[in-house]
Every structure is written in structure tokens, then in C-alpha cells.
Amino acid sequence: MSISRHRQGDEKDIGYTRAKYGFDYETCSVKTSIDQQSSDIAMGVDTGGAGDQGLMFGYACNETPELMPMPIMLAHKIAMRLSEMKSRISSAI
């Protein structure tokens, strides 16, 4: 399966079809890096478990003090605030 081709279809389907939107499926690029699991990690993992799964998002930019893209920082801040509110409500009960 071509990840790039699959990704382009998704972006087109949700409406990113014109460069004037600042993002479009025809000019966007996605970099993938899929490698075999490290033999050191594989030795310490139960049969069937991956042990080294991870997800990377973004790139360095000057949109935020953290040098991360604004959308991911806003998502992080919303998630942190929701966690704080959940803790407050739980401790008040």
C-alpha cells in the first residue's frame, strides 16, 4: 500500500482541495520511516508485543514558545486542561 497515495485520498475527501486554503492534498508531503524493531528491544518484549511503538507529529517552527506547530500545542493544552478539570471534579466528590 502506498501511504502517500492513501493519505492524499483522505485529504481530498475531507476538503483540502485548494492551495488557497493553505494546505492541499496535491502539494502536501508526508514522510514515513518504518524500520524493523531493534533486536535489543525485541529481546525484552513478550512474544507478540511490539515494545517500541511511537508516534511523531510535527516539525520545529516559531509558531509557539515550545517551537511546535500551533494546532498540536492547542490540542496538548486542551488535553491537559481536561485532565486538570477531571482531577478537580474527582477530588470534590
PDB file of N, CA and C in Angstrom:
ATOM      1  N   MET A   1       0.843  -1.184   0.000  1.00  0.00           N
ATOM      2  CA  MET A   1       0.000   0.000   0.000  1.00  0.00           C
ATOM      3  C   MET A   1       0.888   1.247   0.000  1.00  0.00           C
ATOM      4  N   SER A   2       0.540   2.193  -0.793  1.00  0.00           N
ATOM      5  CA  SER A   2       1.267   3.455  -0.815  1.00  0.00           C
ATOM      6  C   SER A   2       0.652   4.385   0.227  1.00  0.00           C
ATOM      7  N   ILE A   3       1.406   4.646   1.279  1.00  0.00           N
ATOM      8  CA  ILE A   3       0.901   5.522   2.345  1.00  0.00           C
ATOM      9  C   ILE A   3       0.617   6.907   1.790  1.00  0.00           C
ATOM     10  N   SER A   4       1.502   7.409   0.946  1.00  0.00           N
ATOM     11  CA  SER A   4       1.327   8.739   0.382  1.00  0.00           C
ATOM     12  C   SER A   4       0.046   8.844  -0.442  1.00  0.00           C
ATOM     13  N   ARG A   5      -0.203   7.853  -1.285  1.00  0.00           N
ATOM     14  CA  ARG A   5      -1.408   7.867  -2.120  1.00  0.00           C
ATOM     15  C   ARG A   5      -2.667   7.763  -1.253  1.00  0.00           C
ATOM     16  N   HIS A   6      -2.627   6.897  -0.251  1.00  0.00           N
ATOM     17  CA  HIS A   6      -3.759   6.728   0.664  1.00  0.00           C
ATOM     18  C   HIS A   6      -4.040   8.036   1.401  1.00  0.00           C
ATOM     19  N   ARG A   7      -2.982   8.681   1.875  1.00  0.00           N
ATOM     20  CA  ARG A   7      -3.106   9.939   2.594  1.00  0.00           C
ATOM     21  C   ARG A   7      -3.704  11.017   1.700  1.00  0.00           C
ATOM     22  N   GLN A   8      -3.275  11.084   0.457  1.00  0.00           N
ATOM     23  CA  GLN A   8      -3.812  12.090  -0.449  1.00  0.00           C
ATOM     24  C   GLN A   8      -5.316  11.934  -0.625  1.00  0.00           C
ATOM     25  N   GLY A   9      -5.783  10.707  -0.711  1.00  0.00           N
ATOM     26  CA  GLY A   9      -7.221  10.471  -0.856  1.00  0.00           C
ATOM     27  C   GLY A   9      -7.990  10.971   0.349  1.00  0.00           C
ATOM     28  N   ASP A  10      -7.445  10.753   1.543  1.00  0.00           N
ATOM     29  CA  ASP A  10      -8.104  11.222   2.765  1.00  0.00           C
ATOM     30  C   ASP A  10      -8.197  12.737   2.788  1.00  0.00           C
ATOM     31  N   GLU A  11      -7.096  13.406   2.472  1.00  0.00           N
ATOM     32  CA  GLU A  11      -7.098  14.866   2.485  1.00  0.00           C
ATOM     33  C   GLU A  11      -8.070  15.425   1.456  1.00  0.00           C
ATOM     34  N   LYS A  12      -8.118  14.800   0.309  1.00  0.00           N
ATOM     35  CA  LYS A  12      -9.053  15.246  -0.734  1.00  0.00           C
ATOM     36  C   LYS A  12     -10.492  15.044  -0.262  1.00  0.00           C
ATOM     37  N   ASP A  13     -10.764  13.886   0.358  1.00  0.00           N
ATOM     38  CA  ASP A  13     -12.118  13.573   0.819  1.00  0.00           C
ATOM     39  C   ASP A  13     -12.643  14.554   1.866  1.00  0.00           C
ATOM     40  N   ILE A  14     -11.752  15.071   2.721  1.00  0.00           N
ATOM     41  CA  ILE A  14     -12.230  15.994   3.757  1.00  0.00           C
ATOM     42  C   ILE A  14     -12.180  17.454   3.332  1.00  0.00           C
ATOM     43  N   GLY A  15     -11.795  17.707   2.072  1.00  0.00           N
ATOM     44  CA  GLY A  15     -11.952  19.049   1.525  1.00  0.00           C
ATOM     45  C   GLY A  15     -10.713  19.893   1.345  1.00  0.00           C
ATOM     46  N   TYR A  16      -9.536  19.352   1.604  1.00  0.00           N
ATOM     47  CA  TYR A  16      -8.323  20.126   1.371  1.00  0.00           C
ATOM     48  C   TYR A  16      -7.943  20.014  -0.098  1.00  0.00           C
ATOM     49  N   THR A  17      -8.673  20.779  -0.930  1.00  0.00           N
ATOM     50  CA  THR A  17      -8.527  20.639  -2.376  1.00  0.00           C
ATOM     51  C   THR A  17      -7.993  21.885  -3.075  1.00  0.00           C
ATOM     52  N   ARG A  18      -7.754  22.953  -2.317  1.00  0.00           N
ATOM     53  CA  ARG A  18      -7.282  24.180  -2.957  1.00  0.00           C
ATOM     54  C   ARG A  18      -6.138  24.789  -2.164  1.00  0.00           C
ATOM     55  N   ALA A  19      -5.074  25.153  -2.857  1.00  0.00           N
ATOM     56  CA  ALA A  19      -3.898  25.721  -2.199  1.00  0.00           C
ATOM     57  C   ALA A  19      -4.236  27.000  -1.439  1.00  0.00           C
ATOM     58  N   LYS A  20      -5.265  27.716  -1.855  1.00  0.00           N
ATOM     59  CA  LYS A  20      -5.598  28.966  -1.166  1.00  0.00           C
ATOM     60  C   LYS A  20      -6.064  28.723   0.274  1.00  0.00           C
ATOM     61  N   TYR A  21      -6.400  27.464   0.614  1.00  0.00           N
ATOM     62  CA  TYR A  21      -6.745  27.126   1.997  1.00  0.00           C
ATOM     63  C   TYR A  21      -5.494  27.035   2.866  1.00  0.00           C
ATOM     64  N   GLY A  22      -4.318  27.089   2.241  1.00  0.00           N
ATOM     65  CA  GLY A  22      -3.073  26.986   2.965  1.00  0.00           C
ATOM     66  C   GLY A  22      -2.562  25.563   3.092  1.00  0.00           C
ATOM     67  N   PHE A  23      -3.325  24.632   2.566  1.00  0.00           N
ATOM     68  CA  PHE A  23      -2.961  23.211   2.653  1.00  0.00           C
ATOM     69  C   PHE A  23      -3.803  22.481   1.632  1.00  0.00           C
ATOM     70  N   ASP A  24      -3.182  21.710   0.761  1.00  0.00           N
ATOM     71  CA  ASP A  24      -3.978  20.928  -0.176  1.00  0.00           C
ATOM     72  C   ASP A  24      -3.321  19.583  -0.433  1.00  0.00           C
ATOM     73  N   TYR A  25      -4.135  18.624  -0.817  1.00  0.00           N
ATOM     74  CA  TYR A  25      -3.683  17.240  -0.961  1.00  0.00           C
ATOM     75  C   TYR A  25      -2.653  17.048  -2.061  1.00  0.00           C
ATOM     76  N   GLU A  26      -2.631  17.941  -3.041  1.00  0.00           N
ATOM     77  CA  GLU A  26      -1.707  17.757  -4.163  1.00  0.00           C
ATOM     78  C   GLU A  26      -0.278  18.208  -3.842  1.00  0.00           C
ATOM     79  N   THR A  27      -0.119  19.173  -2.922  1.00  0.00           N
ATOM     80  CA  THR A  27       1.215  19.697  -2.653  1.00  0.00           C
ATOM     81  C   THR A  27       1.767  19.306  -1.286  1.00  0.00           C
ATOM     82  N   CYS A  28       0.961  18.715  -0.435  1.00  0.00           N
ATOM     83  CA  CYS A  28       1.410  18.289   0.887  1.00  0.00           C
ATOM     84  C   CYS A  28       2.307  17.064   0.764  1.00  0.00           C
ATOM     85  N   SER A  29       3.296  16.966   1.643  1.00  0.00           N
ATOM     86  CA  SER A  29       4.122  15.756   1.630  1.00  0.00           C
ATOM     87  C   SER A  29       4.144  15.148   3.024  1.00  0.00           C
ATOM     88  N   VAL A  30       4.205  13.854   3.072  1.00  0.00           N
ATOM     89  CA  VAL A  30       4.267  13.120   4.330  1.00  0.00           C
ATOM     90  C   VAL A  30       5.500  12.237   4.279  1.00  0.00           C
ATOM     91  N   LYS A  31       6.302  12.300   5.324  1.00  0.00           N
ATOM     92  CA  LYS A  31       7.494  11.462   5.386  1.00  0.00           C
ATOM     93  C   LYS A  31       7.216  10.304   6.329  1.00  0.00           C
ATOM     94  N   THR A  32       7.563   9.121   5.898  1.00  0.00           N
ATOM     95  CA  THR A  32       7.382   7.950   6.750  1.00  0.00           C
ATOM     96  C   THR A  32       8.724   7.275   6.956  1.00  0.00           C
ATOM     97  N   SER A  33       8.865   6.703   8.113  1.00  0.00           N
ATOM     98  CA  SER A  33      10.094   5.973   8.423  1.00  0.00           C
ATOM     99  C   SER A  33       9.691   4.725   9.198  1.00  0.00           C
ATOM    100  N   ILE A  34       9.611   3.616   8.520  1.00  0.00           N
ATOM    101  CA  ILE A  34       9.210   2.361   9.138  1.00  0.00           C
ATOM    102  C   ILE A  34      10.398   1.414   9.046  1.00  0.00           C
ATOM    103  N   ASP A  35      10.896   1.033  10.198  1.00  0.00           N
ATOM    104  CA  ASP A  35      12.062   0.153  10.255  1.00  0.00           C
ATOM    105  C   ASP A  35      11.732  -1.081  11.080  1.00  0.00           C
ATOM    106  N   GLN A  36      12.607  -2.067  10.993  1.00  0.00           N
ATOM    107  CA  GLN A  36      12.434  -3.253  11.817  1.00  0.00           C
ATOM    108  C   GLN A  36      12.737  -2.901  13.264  1.00  0.00           C
ATOM    109  N   GLN A  37      12.113  -3.656  14.159  1.00  0.00           N
ATOM    110  CA  GLN A  37      12.309  -3.442  15.575  1.00  0.00           C
ATOM    111  C   GLN A  37      13.760  -3.740  15.978  1.00  0.00           C
ATOM    112  N   SER A  38      14.282  -2.952  16.883  1.00  0.00           N
ATOM    113  CA  SER A  38      15.626  -3.173  17.398  1.00  0.00           C
ATOM    114  C   SER A  38      15.707  -4.551  18.049  1.00  0.00           C
ATOM    115  N   SER A  39      16.782  -5.274  17.803  1.00  0.00           N
ATOM    116  CA  SER A  39      16.932  -6.605  18.412  1.00  0.00           C
ATOM    117  C   SER A  39      17.043  -6.499  19.927  1.00  0.00           C
ATOM    118  N   ASP A  40      17.601  -5.402  20.447  1.00  0.00           N
ATOM    119  CA  ASP A  40      17.670  -5.204  21.902  1.00  0.00           C
ATOM    120  C   ASP A  40      16.279  -5.085  22.513  1.00  0.00           C
ATOM    121  N   ILE A  41      15.396  -4.358  21.847  1.00  0.00           N
ATOM    122  CA  ILE A  41      14.027  -4.209  22.345  1.00  0.00           C
ATOM    123  C   ILE A  41      13.285  -5.526  22.187  1.00  0.00           C
ATOM    124  N   ALA A  42      13.463  -6.176  21.058  1.00  0.00           N
ATOM    125  CA  ALA A  42      12.762  -7.438  20.802  1.00  0.00           C
ATOM    126  C   ALA A  42      13.070  -8.482  21.878  1.00  0.00           C
ATOM    127  N   MET A  43      14.302  -8.500  22.401  1.00  0.00           N
ATOM    128  CA  MET A  43      14.671  -9.478  23.434  1.00  0.00           C
ATOM    129  C   MET A  43      13.893  -9.258  24.732  1.00  0.00           C
ATOM    130  N   GLY A  44      13.535  -8.013  25.020  1.00  0.00           N
ATOM    131  CA  GLY A  44      12.872  -7.711  26.287  1.00  0.00           C
ATOM    132  C   GLY A  44      11.365  -7.632  26.211  1.00  0.00           C
ATOM    133  N   VAL A  45      10.784  -8.036  25.120  1.00  0.00           N
ATOM    134  CA  VAL A  45       9.337  -7.913  24.924  1.00  0.00           C
ATOM    135  C   VAL A  45       8.716  -9.301  24.856  1.00  0.00           C
ATOM    136  N   ASP A  46       7.529  -9.423  25.477  1.00  0.00           N
ATOM    137  CA  ASP A  46       6.800 -10.699  25.389  1.00  0.00           C
ATOM    138  C   ASP A  46       6.509 -11.027  23.938  1.00  0.00           C
ATOM    139  N   THR A  47       6.335 -12.306  23.644  1.00  0.00           N
ATOM    140  CA  THR A  47       6.003 -12.730  22.287  1.00  0.00           C
ATOM    141  C   THR A  47       4.722 -12.034  21.843  1.00  0.00           C
ATOM    142  N   GLY A  48       4.764 -11.451  20.684  1.00  0.00           N
ATOM    143  CA  GLY A  48       3.580 -10.786  20.140  1.00  0.00           C
ATOM    144  C   GLY A  48       3.506  -9.306  20.464  1.00  0.00           C
ATOM    145  N   GLY A  49       4.304  -8.827  21.414  1.00  0.00           N
ATOM    146  CA  GLY A  49       4.263  -7.413  21.777  1.00  0.00           C
ATOM    147  C   GLY A  49       5.271  -6.618  20.987  1.00  0.00           C
ATOM    148  N   ALA A  50       4.987  -5.370  20.730  1.00  0.00           N
ATOM    149  CA  ALA A  50       5.901  -4.545  19.949  1.00  0.00           C
ATOM    150  C   ALA A  50       6.967  -3.915  20.834  1.00  0.00           C
ATOM    151  N   GLY A  51       6.556  -3.218  21.876  1.00  0.00           N
ATOM    152  CA  GLY A  51       7.515  -2.661  22.812  1.00  0.00           C
ATOM    153  C   GLY A  51       8.166  -1.359  22.413  1.00  0.00           C
ATOM    154  N   ASP A  52       8.124  -0.980  21.168  1.00  0.00           N
ATOM    155  CA  ASP A  52       8.780   0.272  20.767  1.00  0.00           C
ATOM    156  C   ASP A  52       7.879   1.107  19.867  1.00  0.00           C
ATOM    157  N   GLN A  53       6.604   1.053  20.120  1.00  0.00           N
ATOM    158  CA  GLN A  53       5.675   1.818  19.293  1.00  0.00           C
ATOM    159  C   GLN A  53       5.786   3.295  19.643  1.00  0.00           C
ATOM    160  N   GLY A  54       5.637   4.123  18.664  1.00  0.00           N
ATOM    161  CA  GLY A  54       5.699   5.550  18.902  1.00  0.00           C
ATOM    162  C   GLY A  54       5.063   6.311  17.759  1.00  0.00           C
ATOM    163  N   LEU A  55       4.771   7.554  18.030  1.00  0.00           N
ATOM    164  CA  LEU A  55       4.157   8.413  17.032  1.00  0.00           C
ATOM    165  C   LEU A  55       4.845   9.759  17.106  1.00  0.00           C
ATOM    166  N   MET A  56       5.224  10.285  15.972  1.00  0.00           N
ATOM    167  CA  MET A  56       5.817  11.616  15.938  1.00  0.00           C
ATOM    168  C   MET A  56       4.907  12.511  15.118  1.00  0.00           C
ATOM    169  N   PHE A  57       4.781  13.730  15.572  1.00  0.00           N
ATOM    170  CA  PHE A  57       3.967  14.698  14.853  1.00  0.00           C
ATOM    171  C   PHE A  57       4.745  15.995  14.780  1.00  0.00           C
ATOM    172  N   GLY A  58       4.687  16.615  13.651  1.00  0.00           N
ATOM    173  CA  GLY A  58       5.127  17.984  13.554  1.00  0.00           C
ATOM    174  C   GLY A  58       6.549  18.212  13.115  1.00  0.00           C
ATOM    175  N   TYR A  59       7.012  19.391  13.447  1.00  0.00           N
ATOM    176  CA  TYR A  59       8.276  19.901  12.989  1.00  0.00           C
ATOM    177  C   TYR A  59       8.579  21.112  13.862  1.00  0.00           C
ATOM    178  N   ALA A  60       9.791  21.561  13.856  1.00  0.00           N
ATOM    179  CA  ALA A  60      10.138  22.760  14.617  1.00  0.00           C
ATOM    180  C   ALA A  60       9.684  23.989  13.834  1.00  0.00           C
ATOM    181  N   CYS A  61       9.072  24.913  14.533  1.00  0.00           N
ATOM    182  CA  CYS A  61       8.650  26.164  13.906  1.00  0.00           C
ATOM    183  C   CYS A  61       8.587  27.231  14.988  1.00  0.00           C
ATOM    184  N   ASN A  62       8.347  28.457  14.615  1.00  0.00           N
ATOM    185  CA  ASN A  62       8.298  29.531  15.600  1.00  0.00           C
ATOM    186  C   ASN A  62       6.875  29.989  15.908  1.00  0.00           C
ATOM    187  N   GLU A  63       5.898  29.123  15.708  1.00  0.00           N
ATOM    188  CA  GLU A  63       4.502  29.480  15.988  1.00  0.00           C
ATOM    189  C   GLU A  63       4.207  29.536  17.479  1.00  0.00           C
ATOM    190  N   THR A  64       4.969  28.810  18.289  1.00  0.00           N
ATOM    191  CA  THR A  64       4.733  28.742  19.734  1.00  0.00           C
ATOM    192  C   THR A  64       6.073  28.798  20.464  1.00  0.00           C
ATOM    193  N   PRO A  65       6.066  29.157  21.761  1.00  0.00           N
ATOM    194  CA  PRO A  65       7.320  29.153  22.538  1.00  0.00           C
ATOM    195  C   PRO A  65       7.959  27.769  22.603  1.00  0.00           C
ATOM    196  N   GLU A  66       7.142  26.717  22.484  1.00  0.00           N
ATOM    197  CA  GLU A  66       7.653  25.340  22.525  1.00  0.00           C
ATOM    198  C   GLU A  66       8.274  24.909  21.192  1.00  0.00           C
ATOM    199  N   LEU A  67       8.200  25.773  20.183  1.00  0.00           N
ATOM    200  CA  LEU A  67       8.718  25.506  18.834  1.00  0.00           C
ATOM    201  C   LEU A  67       7.982  24.354  18.150  1.00  0.00           C
ATOM    202  N   MET A  68       6.715  24.194  18.487  1.00  0.00           N
ATOM    203  CA  MET A  68       5.859  23.184  17.878  1.00  0.00           C
ATOM    204  C   MET A  68       4.757  23.889  17.099  1.00  0.00           C
ATOM    205  N   PRO A  69       4.144  23.205  16.128  1.00  0.00           N
ATOM    206  CA  PRO A  69       3.028  23.809  15.384  1.00  0.00           C
ATOM    207  C   PRO A  69       1.869  24.148  16.325  1.00  0.00           C
ATOM    208  N   MET A  70       1.230  25.264  16.079  1.00  0.00           N
ATOM    209  CA  MET A  70       0.126  25.731  16.926  1.00  0.00           C
ATOM    210  C   MET A  70      -0.972  24.682  17.110  1.00  0.00           C
ATOM    211  N   PRO A  71      -1.444  23.974  16.063  1.00  0.00           N
ATOM    212  CA  PRO A  71      -2.528  23.010  16.269  1.00  0.00           C
ATOM    213  C   PRO A  71      -2.196  21.919  17.294  1.00  0.00           C
ATOM    214  N   ILE A  72      -0.973  21.394  17.273  1.00  0.00           N
ATOM    215  CA  ILE A  72      -0.637  20.331  18.219  1.00  0.00           C
ATOM    216  C   ILE A  72      -0.499  20.902  19.624  1.00  0.00           C
ATOM    217  N   MET A  73       0.032  22.117  19.757  1.00  0.00           N
ATOM    218  CA  MET A  73       0.149  22.716  21.093  1.00  0.00           C
ATOM    219  C   MET A  73      -1.225  23.026  21.672  1.00  0.00           C
ATOM    220  N   LEU A  74      -2.147  23.492  20.841  1.00  0.00           N
ATOM    221  CA  LEU A  74      -3.502  23.737  21.333  1.00  0.00           C
ATOM    222  C   LEU A  74      -4.164  22.430  21.773  1.00  0.00           C
ATOM    223  N   ALA A  75      -3.966  21.381  20.989  1.00  0.00           N
ATOM    224  CA  ALA A  75      -4.522  20.078  21.369  1.00  0.00           C
ATOM    225  C   ALA A  75      -3.926  19.600  22.686  1.00  0.00           C
ATOM    226  N   HIS A  76      -2.621  19.777  22.876  1.00  0.00           N
ATOM    227  CA  HIS A  76      -1.977  19.379  24.133  1.00  0.00           C
ATOM    228  C   HIS A  76      -2.531  20.171  25.303  1.00  0.00           C
ATOM    229  N   LYS A  77      -2.697  21.472  25.125  1.00  0.00           N
ATOM    230  CA  LYS A  77      -3.200  22.321  26.212  1.00  0.00           C
ATOM    231  C   LYS A  77      -4.648  21.978  26.560  1.00  0.00           C
ATOM    232  N   ILE A  78      -5.461  21.685  25.560  1.00  0.00           N
ATOM    233  CA  ILE A  78      -6.845  21.268  25.821  1.00  0.00           C
ATOM    234  C   ILE A  78      -6.852  19.963  26.601  1.00  0.00           C
ATOM    235  N   ALA A  79      -6.030  19.007  26.183  1.00  0.00           N
ATOM    236  CA  ALA A  79      -5.970  17.713  26.880  1.00  0.00           C
ATOM    237  C   ALA A  79      -5.491  17.891  28.321  1.00  0.00           C
ATOM    238  N   MET A  80      -4.495  18.745  28.542  1.00  0.00           N
ATOM    239  CA  MET A  80      -4.019  18.988  29.910  1.00  0.00           C
ATOM    240  C   MET A  80      -5.101  19.637  30.760  1.00  0.00           C
ATOM    241  N   ARG A  81      -5.817  20.595  30.194  1.00  0.00           N
ATOM    242  CA  ARG A  81      -6.888  21.284  30.935  1.00  0.00           C
ATOM    243  C   ARG A  81      -8.017  20.316  31.274  1.00  0.00           C
ATOM    244  N   LEU A  82      -8.382  19.459  30.336  1.00  0.00           N
ATOM    245  CA  LEU A  82      -9.418  18.456  30.613  1.00  0.00           C
ATOM    246  C   LEU A  82      -8.982  17.524  31.735  1.00  0.00           C
ATOM    247  N   SER A  83      -7.723  17.146  31.739  1.00  0.00           N
ATOM    248  CA  SER A  83      -7.195  16.284  32.793  1.00  0.00           C
ATOM    249  C   SER A  83      -7.244  16.988  34.150  1.00  0.00           C
ATOM    250  N   GLU A  84      -6.880  18.269  34.180  1.00  0.00           N
ATOM    251  CA  GLU A  84      -6.948  19.050  35.423  1.00  0.00           C
ATOM    252  C   GLU A  84      -8.381  19.129  35.935  1.00  0.00           C
ATOM    253  N   MET A  85      -9.315  19.417  35.038  1.00  0.00           N
ATOM    254  CA  MET A  85     -10.727  19.538  35.443  1.00  0.00           C
ATOM    255  C   MET A  85     -11.261  18.199  35.959  1.00  0.00           C
ATOM    256  N   LYS A  86     -10.878  17.106  35.313  1.00  0.00           N
ATOM    257  CA  LYS A  86     -11.313  15.781  35.755  1.00  0.00           C
ATOM    258  C   LYS A  86     -10.794  15.504  37.156  1.00  0.00           C
ATOM    259  N   SER A  87      -9.530  15.857  37.417  1.00  0.00           N
ATOM    260  CA  SER A  87      -8.945  15.656  38.748  1.00  0.00           C
ATOM    261  C   SER A  87      -9.662  16.486  39.797  1.00  0.00           C
ATOM    262  N   ARG A  88      -9.982  17.727  39.476  1.00  0.00           N
ATOM    263  CA  ARG A  88     -10.693  18.602  40.428  1.00  0.00           C
ATOM    264  C   ARG A  88     -12.074  18.051  40.761  1.00  0.00           C
ATOM    265  N   ILE A  89     -12.770  17.605  39.722  1.00  0.00           N
ATOM    266  CA  ILE A  89     -14.126  17.072  39.934  1.00  0.00           C
ATOM    267  C   ILE A  89     -14.061  15.789  40.747  1.00  0.00           C
ATOM    268  N   SER A  90     -13.086  14.922  40.442  1.00  0.00           N
ATOM    269  CA  SER A  90     -12.943  13.667  41.178  1.00  0.00           C
ATOM    270  C   SER A  90     -12.622  13.916  42.642  1.00  0.00           C
ATOM    271  N   SER A  91     -11.779  14.904  42.945  1.00  0.00           N
ATOM    272  CA  SER A  91     -11.397  15.166  44.331  1.00  0.00           C
ATOM    273  C   SER A  91     -12.518  15.867  45.098  1.00  0.00           C
ATOM    274  N   ALA A  92     -13.430  16.514  44.375  1.00  0.00           N
ATOM    275  CA  ALA A  92     -14.551  17.210  45.030  1.00  0.00           C
ATOM    276  C   ALA A  92     -15.690  16.243  45.383  1.00  0.00           C
ATOM    277  N   ILE A  93     -15.692  15.088  44.785  1.00  0.00           N
ATOM    278  CA  ILE A  93     -16.788  14.128  45.000  1.00  0.00           C
ATOM    279  C   ILE A  93     -16.566  13.352  46.269  1.00  0.00           C
TER     280      ILE A  93
END
